[in-house]
Amino acid sequence: MEKTTERPMSINEAALFLSLSKNGITLNRHKSKDGDERSIPCHRAPNGRLYYYASEINDWIKGTSEEEVSQNVKEQS
C-alpha cells in the first residue's frame, strides 16, 4: 500500500473542516490541556503555530484512541 503525504491544516482550515469558529477550536484546546481525549488533536510547529491533520480529526470524531490509530499504522506498514 502506497503512503500518501497529508498536508497539515492551519487553525482556519481546521475550523472550516469542523464547521466551528476559530475561537471554538481554541477554547476546546485550552479546556483539555491535560491530553484529554475530548481535545482536538493538534501539533505545535517550532514557530509556535498549531497545525491539524484531517485524518487525526476524523479519527477523533469517530472516537478512535491514539493507541488504536498507532496500532493501525503499524499494521499497515
C-alpha atoms as a PDB file:
ATOM      1  CA  MET A   1       0.000   0.000   0.000  1.00  0.00           C
ATOM      2  CA  GLU A   2       1.416   3.378  -1.013  1.00  0.00           C
ATOM      3  CA  LYS A   3       1.614   6.032   1.691  1.00  0.00           C
ATOM      4  CA  THR A   4       0.316   9.485   0.893  1.00  0.00           C
ATOM      5  CA  THR A   5       1.660  12.623   2.463  1.00  0.00           C
ATOM      6  CA  GLU A   6      -1.035  14.620   4.158  1.00  0.00           C
ATOM      7  CA  ARG A   7      -0.721  18.389   4.224  1.00  0.00           C
ATOM      8  CA  PRO A   8      -1.168  19.990   7.648  1.00  0.00           C
ATOM      9  CA  MET A   9      -4.079  22.378   8.057  1.00  0.00           C
ATOM     10  CA  SER A  10      -3.968  25.769   9.740  1.00  0.00           C
ATOM     11  CA  ILE A  11      -6.414  26.596  12.520  1.00  0.00           C
ATOM     12  CA  ASN A  12      -8.559  28.453   9.952  1.00  0.00           C
ATOM     13  CA  GLU A  13      -8.695  25.392   7.683  1.00  0.00           C
ATOM     14  CA  ALA A  14      -9.441  23.117  10.642  1.00  0.00           C
ATOM     15  CA  ALA A  15     -12.258  25.441  11.705  1.00  0.00           C
ATOM     16  CA  LEU A  16     -13.780  25.221   8.206  1.00  0.00           C
ATOM     17  CA  PHE A  17     -13.285  21.428   8.187  1.00  0.00           C
ATOM     18  CA  LEU A  18     -15.148  21.083  11.510  1.00  0.00           C
ATOM     19  CA  SER A  19     -17.694  23.870  10.869  1.00  0.00           C
ATOM     20  CA  LEU A  20     -16.508  25.599  14.024  1.00  0.00           C
ATOM     21  CA  SER A  21     -15.233  29.067  14.704  1.00  0.00           C
ATOM     22  CA  LYS A  22     -11.514  29.572  15.230  1.00  0.00           C
ATOM     23  CA  ASN A  23     -12.380  30.533  18.803  1.00  0.00           C
ATOM     24  CA  GLY A  24     -14.314  27.262  19.246  1.00  0.00           C
ATOM     25  CA  ILE A  25     -11.221  25.248  18.355  1.00  0.00           C
ATOM     26  CA  THR A  26      -9.034  27.357  20.659  1.00  0.00           C
ATOM     27  CA  LEU A  27     -11.466  27.009  23.576  1.00  0.00           C
ATOM     28  CA  ASN A  28     -11.595  23.252  23.098  1.00  0.00           C
ATOM     29  CA  ARG A  29      -7.804  23.025  23.137  1.00  0.00           C
ATOM     30  CA  HIS A  30      -7.467  25.142  26.293  1.00  0.00           C
ATOM     31  CA  LYS A  31     -10.274  23.289  28.069  1.00  0.00           C
ATOM     32  CA  SER A  32      -8.470  19.976  27.604  1.00  0.00           C
ATOM     33  CA  LYS A  33      -4.776  20.780  28.153  1.00  0.00           C
ATOM     34  CA  ASP A  34      -4.052  17.553  30.040  1.00  0.00           C
ATOM     35  CA  GLY A  35      -4.302  15.363  26.928  1.00  0.00           C
ATOM     36  CA  ASP A  36      -7.965  14.600  27.437  1.00  0.00           C
ATOM     37  CA  GLU A  37      -9.352  12.583  24.512  1.00  0.00           C
ATOM     38  CA  ARG A  38     -12.022  15.250  24.035  1.00  0.00           C
ATOM     39  CA  SER A  39      -9.449  17.782  22.834  1.00  0.00           C
ATOM     40  CA  ILE A  40      -8.975  18.223  19.084  1.00  0.00           C
ATOM     41  CA  PRO A  41      -5.639  16.615  18.122  1.00  0.00           C
ATOM     42  CA  CYS A  42      -3.052  19.181  17.029  1.00  0.00           C
ATOM     43  CA  HIS A  43       0.686  19.696  16.643  1.00  0.00           C
ATOM     44  CA  ARG A  44       2.787  22.720  17.551  1.00  0.00           C
ATOM     45  CA  ALA A  45       5.399  23.752  14.996  1.00  0.00           C
ATOM     46  CA  PRO A  46       8.754  25.258  16.046  1.00  0.00           C
ATOM     47  CA  ASN A  47       7.334  28.695  15.181  1.00  0.00           C
ATOM     48  CA  GLY A  48       4.619  28.181  17.814  1.00  0.00           C
ATOM     49  CA  ARG A  49       1.723  27.803  15.396  1.00  0.00           C
ATOM     50  CA  LEU A  50      -0.716  24.939  15.716  1.00  0.00           C
ATOM     51  CA  TYR A  51      -1.381  22.574  12.838  1.00  0.00           C
ATOM     52  CA  TYR A  52      -4.025  19.918  12.351  1.00  0.00           C
ATOM     53  CA  TYR A  53      -4.364  16.806  10.195  1.00  0.00           C
ATOM     54  CA  ALA A  54      -7.721  15.830   8.701  1.00  0.00           C
ATOM     55  CA  SER A  55      -7.075  12.119   9.292  1.00  0.00           C
ATOM     56  CA  GLU A  56      -6.433  12.705  13.011  1.00  0.00           C
ATOM     57  CA  ILE A  57      -9.537  14.882  13.295  1.00  0.00           C
ATOM     58  CA  ASN A  58     -11.609  12.195  11.571  1.00  0.00           C
ATOM     59  CA  ASP A  59     -10.263   9.565  13.996  1.00  0.00           C
ATOM     60  CA  TRP A  60     -11.024  11.914  16.895  1.00  0.00           C
ATOM     61  CA  ILE A  61     -14.587  12.380  15.644  1.00  0.00           C
ATOM     62  CA  LYS A  62     -15.028   8.598  15.399  1.00  0.00           C
ATOM     63  CA  GLY A  63     -13.741   8.241  18.948  1.00  0.00           C
ATOM     64  CA  THR A  64     -10.661   6.292  17.979  1.00  0.00           C
ATOM     65  CA  SER A  65      -7.968   6.455  20.619  1.00  0.00           C
ATOM     66  CA  GLU A  66      -4.422   7.488  19.714  1.00  0.00           C
ATOM     67  CA  GLU A  67      -3.163   3.993  20.639  1.00  0.00           C
ATOM     68  CA  GLU A  68      -5.599   2.374  18.224  1.00  0.00           C
ATOM     69  CA  VAL A  69      -4.507   4.758  15.459  1.00  0.00           C
ATOM     70  CA  SER A  70      -0.831   3.973  16.145  1.00  0.00           C
ATOM     71  CA  GLN A  71      -1.565   0.234  16.096  1.00  0.00           C
ATOM     72  CA  ASN A  72      -3.400   0.550  12.764  1.00  0.00           C
ATOM     73  CA  VAL A  73      -0.484   2.457  11.244  1.00  0.00           C
ATOM     74  CA  LYS A  74       1.981  -0.234  12.399  1.00  0.00           C
ATOM     75  CA  GLU A  75      -0.224  -2.972  10.953  1.00  0.00           C
ATOM     76  CA  GLN A  76      -0.394  -1.214   7.557  1.00  0.00           C
ATOM     77  CA  SER A  77       3.381  -0.686   7.338  1.00  0.00           C
END
